[in-house]
Amino acid sequence: MPGDERIRIVIVEDNKVFREALEQLLPLRGDIVVVGSISDGEEVVPTCRRLKPHVALMDYRLPGLDGIEATRALRDACPDVAVVALTASANREEMTALRDAGAFATLTKDRELDEIVAAIEEAAQA
């Protein structure tokens, strides 16, 4: 990713309130632009092929494909898209499974926005 380009992200989150909060808060950072926002794991690959984000911010629990399956499918279909996974619980098995599926980072949803943004920035540079 060129250094002067804003980080293009797709938000994959089925909780409408949390998804809309991320849509509003992340662009305030200046270096992030939300290019897409979807609620179903099955939409991940076609959306990322169409919108070409740098990072997908991926929920663990999703309808259709869950976060692990959606991460695996995305990494296979669009290997240039980094995945930062978010989970509501700090379940070690879930976090390990997400990393094994190809997630660059896994964070719990209760983390500070700055921590989520830092993980997005690191993933975009990786």
C-alpha atoms as a PDB file:
ATOM      1  CA  MET A   1       0.000   0.000   0.000  1.00  0.00           C
ATOM      2  CA  PRO A   2       1.488   3.392  -0.936  1.00  0.00           C
ATOM      3  CA  GLY A   3       2.278   5.537   2.081  1.00  0.00           C
ATOM      4  CA  ASP A   4       0.075   8.452   1.047  1.00  0.00           C
ATOM      5  CA  GLU A   5      -3.013   6.368   0.273  1.00  0.00           C
ATOM      6  CA  ARG A   6      -5.840   6.115   2.778  1.00  0.00           C
ATOM      7  CA  ILE A   7      -6.575   2.646   4.111  1.00  0.00           C
ATOM      8  CA  ARG A   8      -9.632   1.212   2.371  1.00  0.00           C
ATOM      9  CA  ILE A   9     -11.654  -1.049   4.651  1.00  0.00           C
ATOM     10  CA  VAL A  10     -14.748  -3.201   4.422  1.00  0.00           C
ATOM     11  CA  ILE A  11     -16.646  -3.740   7.669  1.00  0.00           C
ATOM     12  CA  VAL A  12     -18.156  -7.220   8.059  1.00  0.00           C
ATOM     13  CA  GLU A  13     -20.469  -7.069  11.076  1.00  0.00           C
ATOM     14  CA  ASP A  14     -24.016  -8.346  11.562  1.00  0.00           C
ATOM     15  CA  ASN A  15     -24.813  -6.107  14.546  1.00  0.00           C
ATOM     16  CA  LYS A  16     -26.313  -3.044  12.855  1.00  0.00           C
ATOM     17  CA  VAL A  17     -25.642  -0.632  15.742  1.00  0.00           C
ATOM     18  CA  PHE A  18     -21.997  -1.693  16.120  1.00  0.00           C
ATOM     19  CA  ARG A  19     -21.472  -1.687  12.325  1.00  0.00           C
ATOM     20  CA  GLU A  20     -22.928   1.822  11.977  1.00  0.00           C
ATOM     21  CA  ALA A  21     -20.805   3.056  14.898  1.00  0.00           C
ATOM     22  CA  LEU A  22     -17.671   1.756  13.167  1.00  0.00           C
ATOM     23  CA  GLU A  23     -18.801   3.335   9.878  1.00  0.00           C
ATOM     24  CA  GLN A  24     -19.046   6.704  11.653  1.00  0.00           C
ATOM     25  CA  LEU A  25     -15.981   6.510  13.904  1.00  0.00           C
ATOM     26  CA  LEU A  26     -13.282   4.951  11.730  1.00  0.00           C
ATOM     27  CA  PRO A  27     -13.263   7.658   9.001  1.00  0.00           C
ATOM     28  CA  LEU A  28     -12.724  10.311  11.691  1.00  0.00           C
ATOM     29  CA  ARG A  29      -9.177   8.975  11.896  1.00  0.00           C
ATOM     30  CA  GLY A  30      -8.332  10.629   8.587  1.00  0.00           C
ATOM     31  CA  ASP A  31      -6.297   7.759   7.174  1.00  0.00           C
ATOM     32  CA  ILE A  32      -9.182   5.268   6.940  1.00  0.00           C
ATOM     33  CA  VAL A  33     -12.012   5.216   4.437  1.00  0.00           C
ATOM     34  CA  VAL A  34     -14.878   2.736   4.752  1.00  0.00           C
ATOM     35  CA  VAL A  35     -15.550   1.537   1.195  1.00  0.00           C
ATOM     36  CA  GLY A  36     -18.123  -1.077   2.136  1.00  0.00           C
ATOM     37  CA  SER A  37     -20.153  -2.431   5.010  1.00  0.00           C
ATOM     38  CA  ILE A  38     -21.858  -5.824   4.973  1.00  0.00           C
ATOM     39  CA  SER A  39     -23.635  -8.043   7.471  1.00  0.00           C
ATOM     40  CA  ASP A  40     -23.282 -11.562   6.042  1.00  0.00           C
ATOM     41  CA  GLY A  41     -20.189 -13.754   5.722  1.00  0.00           C
ATOM     42  CA  GLU A  42     -21.278 -14.999   2.306  1.00  0.00           C
ATOM     43  CA  GLU A  43     -21.013 -11.435   0.937  1.00  0.00           C
ATOM     44  CA  VAL A  44     -17.336 -11.063   1.894  1.00  0.00           C
ATOM     45  CA  VAL A  45     -15.601 -12.433  -1.199  1.00  0.00           C
ATOM     46  CA  PRO A  46     -17.796 -10.762  -3.851  1.00  0.00           C
ATOM     47  CA  THR A  47     -17.727  -7.467  -1.953  1.00  0.00           C
ATOM     48  CA  CYS A  48     -13.953  -7.478  -1.565  1.00  0.00           C
ATOM     49  CA  ARG A  49     -13.436  -8.444  -5.198  1.00  0.00           C
ATOM     50  CA  ARG A  50     -15.612  -5.496  -6.220  1.00  0.00           C
ATOM     51  CA  LEU A  51     -14.358  -2.854  -3.763  1.00  0.00           C
ATOM     52  CA  LYS A  52     -10.684  -3.903  -3.419  1.00  0.00           C
ATOM     53  CA  PRO A  53     -10.137  -2.911   0.226  1.00  0.00           C
ATOM     54  CA  HIS A  54      -6.787  -3.122   1.970  1.00  0.00           C
ATOM     55  CA  VAL A  55      -8.377  -4.536   5.137  1.00  0.00           C
ATOM     56  CA  ALA A  56     -11.557  -6.392   6.063  1.00  0.00           C
ATOM     57  CA  LEU A  57     -12.696  -5.789   9.646  1.00  0.00           C
ATOM     58  CA  MET A  58     -14.343  -9.156  10.309  1.00  0.00           C
ATOM     59  CA  ASP A  59     -16.795 -10.138  13.021  1.00  0.00           C
ATOM     60  CA  TYR A  60     -16.537 -13.668  14.419  1.00  0.00           C
ATOM     61  CA  ARG A  61     -20.262 -14.461  14.580  1.00  0.00           C
ATOM     62  CA  LEU A  62     -21.940 -13.866  11.227  1.00  0.00           C
ATOM     63  CA  PRO A  63     -24.907 -15.320   9.365  1.00  0.00           C
ATOM     64  CA  GLY A  64     -24.028 -17.394   6.310  1.00  0.00           C
ATOM     65  CA  LEU A  65     -20.322 -18.077   6.719  1.00  0.00           C
ATOM     66  CA  ASP A  66     -18.978 -17.433  10.208  1.00  0.00           C
ATOM     67  CA  GLY A  67     -15.905 -15.267  10.687  1.00  0.00           C
ATOM     68  CA  ILE A  68     -13.506 -18.211  10.441  1.00  0.00           C
ATOM     69  CA  GLU A  69     -15.025 -19.535   7.209  1.00  0.00           C
ATOM     70  CA  ALA A  70     -15.340 -16.026   5.742  1.00  0.00           C
ATOM     71  CA  THR A  71     -11.712 -15.211   6.651  1.00  0.00           C
ATOM     72  CA  ARG A  72     -10.476 -18.421   5.050  1.00  0.00           C
ATOM     73  CA  ALA A  73     -12.557 -17.805   1.897  1.00  0.00           C
ATOM     74  CA  LEU A  74     -11.398 -14.190   1.662  1.00  0.00           C
ATOM     75  CA  ARG A  75      -7.712 -15.035   2.131  1.00  0.00           C
ATOM     76  CA  ASP A  76      -8.015 -17.699  -0.607  1.00  0.00           C
ATOM     77  CA  ALA A  77      -9.889 -15.461  -3.070  1.00  0.00           C
ATOM     78  CA  CYS A  78      -8.273 -12.081  -2.286  1.00  0.00           C
ATOM     79  CA  PRO A  79      -4.881 -12.732  -0.648  1.00  0.00           C
ATOM     80  CA  ASP A  80      -3.966  -9.021  -0.758  1.00  0.00           C
ATOM     81  CA  VAL A  81      -6.794  -8.171   1.649  1.00  0.00           C
ATOM     82  CA  ALA A  82      -5.681  -8.339   5.287  1.00  0.00           C
ATOM     83  CA  VAL A  83      -8.215  -9.429   7.902  1.00  0.00           C
ATOM     84  CA  VAL A  84      -8.566  -7.883  11.342  1.00  0.00           C
ATOM     85  CA  ALA A  85     -11.031 -10.012  13.286  1.00  0.00           C
ATOM     86  CA  LEU A  86     -13.299  -8.774  16.055  1.00  0.00           C
ATOM     87  CA  THR A  87     -14.989 -11.045  18.551  1.00  0.00           C
ATOM     88  CA  ALA A  88     -17.405 -10.318  21.374  1.00  0.00           C
ATOM     89  CA  SER A  89     -15.708 -12.799  23.692  1.00  0.00           C
ATOM     90  CA  ALA A  90     -12.062 -13.337  24.522  1.00  0.00           C
ATOM     91  CA  ASN A  91     -12.422 -17.072  23.863  1.00  0.00           C
ATOM     92  CA  ARG A  92      -8.910 -18.333  23.151  1.00  0.00           C
ATOM     93  CA  GLU A  93     -10.134 -21.089  20.802  1.00  0.00           C
ATOM     94  CA  GLU A  94     -12.059 -18.578  18.672  1.00  0.00           C
ATOM     95  CA  MET A  95      -9.092 -16.226  18.475  1.00  0.00           C
ATOM     96  CA  THR A  96      -6.695 -19.043  17.577  1.00  0.00           C
ATOM     97  CA  ALA A  97      -9.096 -20.350  14.921  1.00  0.00           C
ATOM     98  CA  LEU A  98      -9.369 -16.868  13.395  1.00  0.00           C
ATOM     99  CA  ARG A  99      -5.580 -16.504  13.240  1.00  0.00           C
ATOM    100  CA  ASP A 100      -5.260 -20.013  11.794  1.00  0.00           C
ATOM    101  CA  ALA A 101      -7.783 -19.038   9.089  1.00  0.00           C
ATOM    102  CA  GLY A 102      -5.529 -16.136   8.106  1.00  0.00           C
ATOM    103  CA  ALA A 103      -6.526 -13.175  10.271  1.00  0.00           C
ATOM    104  CA  PHE A 104      -3.662 -10.702  10.742  1.00  0.00           C
ATOM    105  CA  ALA A 105      -4.954  -9.741  14.188  1.00  0.00           C
ATOM    106  CA  THR A 106      -7.806 -10.666  16.513  1.00  0.00           C
ATOM    107  CA  LEU A 107      -9.299  -8.207  18.973  1.00  0.00           C
ATOM    108  CA  THR A 108     -12.255  -8.202  21.311  1.00  0.00           C
ATOM    109  CA  LYS A 109     -14.987  -5.689  20.517  1.00  0.00           C
ATOM    110  CA  ASP A 110     -14.542  -3.925  23.848  1.00  0.00           C
ATOM    111  CA  ARG A 111     -11.068  -2.650  22.875  1.00  0.00           C
ATOM    112  CA  GLU A 112     -10.495   1.080  22.537  1.00  0.00           C
ATOM    113  CA  LEU A 113     -11.004   2.530  19.065  1.00  0.00           C
ATOM    114  CA  ASP A 114      -7.307   3.481  18.991  1.00  0.00           C
ATOM    115  CA  GLU A 115      -6.345  -0.193  19.407  1.00  0.00           C
ATOM    116  CA  ILE A 116      -8.677  -1.262  16.590  1.00  0.00           C
ATOM    117  CA  VAL A 117      -7.312   1.502  14.342  1.00  0.00           C
ATOM    118  CA  ALA A 118      -3.721   0.520  15.176  1.00  0.00           C
ATOM    119  CA  ALA A 119      -4.450  -3.093  14.192  1.00  0.00           C
ATOM    120  CA  ILE A 120      -6.026  -1.908  10.919  1.00  0.00           C
ATOM    121  CA  GLU A 121      -2.997   0.268  10.161  1.00  0.00           C
ATOM    122  CA  GLU A 122      -0.552  -2.561  10.940  1.00  0.00           C
ATOM    123  CA  ALA A 123      -2.532  -5.012   8.814  1.00  0.00           C
ATOM    124  CA  ALA A 124      -2.607  -2.582   5.878  1.00  0.00           C
ATOM    125  CA  GLN A 125       1.175  -2.229   6.006  1.00  0.00           C
ATOM    126  CA  ALA A 126       1.881  -5.960   6.337  1.00  0.00           C
END
